[in-house]
Amino acid sequence: MFYVNPIIKPQFDSLSPELQKAISEKNVPLNSLNDLIKVLEEIANEEEE
């Protein structure tokens, strides 16, 4: 289930709409900044392939 902890919501909201959509499609909970970074790294790695 996709979830963004209110503590990191400002960082999530600062991302482009395309990145926000890509992250939400991963359907993972973002409880910390580390969770957000991990998902962004996964997306970046997918783009490189």
C-alpha atoms as a PDB file:
ATOM      1  CA  MET A   1       0.000   0.000   0.000  1.00  0.00           C
ATOM      2  CA  PHE A   2       1.366   3.399  -0.983  1.00  0.00           C
ATOM      3  CA  TYR A   3       1.814   5.730   1.986  1.00  0.00           C
ATOM      4  CA  VAL A   4       3.861   8.871   2.635  1.00  0.00           C
ATOM      5  CA  ASN A   5       4.667   9.677   6.243  1.00  0.00           C
ATOM      6  CA  PRO A   6       3.671  13.306   6.952  1.00  0.00           C
ATOM      7  CA  ILE A   7       7.220  13.943   8.220  1.00  0.00           C
ATOM      8  CA  ILE A   8       8.709  13.374   4.738  1.00  0.00           C
ATOM      9  CA  LYS A   9       5.731  14.694   2.751  1.00  0.00           C
ATOM     10  CA  PRO A  10       7.494  18.034   2.008  1.00  0.00           C
ATOM     11  CA  GLN A  11      10.394  16.144   0.390  1.00  0.00           C
ATOM     12  CA  PHE A  12       7.984  13.954  -1.574  1.00  0.00           C
ATOM     13  CA  ASP A  13       5.994  17.008  -2.692  1.00  0.00           C
ATOM     14  CA  SER A  14       9.170  18.695  -3.908  1.00  0.00           C
ATOM     15  CA  LEU A  15       9.650  15.967  -6.542  1.00  0.00           C
ATOM     16  CA  SER A  16       8.313  16.299 -10.068  1.00  0.00           C
ATOM     17  CA  PRO A  17       4.803  14.963 -10.730  1.00  0.00           C
ATOM     18  CA  GLU A  18       6.334  12.248 -12.926  1.00  0.00           C
ATOM     19  CA  LEU A  19       8.563  11.025 -10.100  1.00  0.00           C
ATOM     20  CA  GLN A  20       5.704  11.169  -7.613  1.00  0.00           C
ATOM     21  CA  LYS A  21       3.621   9.016  -9.953  1.00  0.00           C
ATOM     22  CA  ALA A  22       6.474   6.533 -10.480  1.00  0.00           C
ATOM     23  CA  ILE A  23       6.973   6.265  -6.725  1.00  0.00           C
ATOM     24  CA  SER A  24       3.269   5.791  -6.032  1.00  0.00           C
ATOM     25  CA  GLU A  25       3.118   3.037  -8.668  1.00  0.00           C
ATOM     26  CA  LYS A  26       5.727   1.119  -6.622  1.00  0.00           C
ATOM     27  CA  ASN A  27       2.976   0.765  -4.018  1.00  0.00           C
ATOM     28  CA  VAL A  28       5.354   0.914  -1.044  1.00  0.00           C
ATOM     29  CA  PRO A  29       5.102   2.757   2.263  1.00  0.00           C
ATOM     30  CA  LEU A  30       7.471   5.703   2.683  1.00  0.00           C
ATOM     31  CA  ASN A  31       8.007   5.968   6.412  1.00  0.00           C
ATOM     32  CA  SER A  32      11.411   7.644   6.356  1.00  0.00           C
ATOM     33  CA  LEU A  33      13.717   9.608   4.124  1.00  0.00           C
ATOM     34  CA  ASN A  34      15.735   6.407   3.668  1.00  0.00           C
ATOM     35  CA  ASP A  35      12.647   4.690   2.229  1.00  0.00           C
ATOM     36  CA  LEU A  36      12.214   7.559  -0.232  1.00  0.00           C
ATOM     37  CA  ILE A  37      15.863   7.455  -1.264  1.00  0.00           C
ATOM     38  CA  LYS A  38      15.707   3.671  -1.750  1.00  0.00           C
ATOM     39  CA  VAL A  39      12.714   3.952  -4.101  1.00  0.00           C
ATOM     40  CA  LEU A  40      14.360   6.803  -6.029  1.00  0.00           C
ATOM     41  CA  GLU A  41      17.482   4.656  -6.466  1.00  0.00           C
ATOM     42  CA  GLU A  42      15.348   1.761  -7.758  1.00  0.00           C
ATOM     43  CA  ILE A  43      13.685   4.074 -10.280  1.00  0.00           C
ATOM     44  CA  ALA A  44      17.048   5.466 -11.383  1.00  0.00           C
ATOM     45  CA  ASN A  45      18.413   1.950 -11.853  1.00  0.00           C
ATOM     46  CA  GLU A  46      15.383   0.960 -13.931  1.00  0.00           C
ATOM     47  CA  GLU A  47      15.913   3.998 -16.159  1.00  0.00           C
ATOM     48  CA  GLU A  48      19.533   2.986 -16.785  1.00  0.00           C
ATOM     49  CA  GLU A  49      18.545  -0.482 -18.032  1.00  0.00           C
END
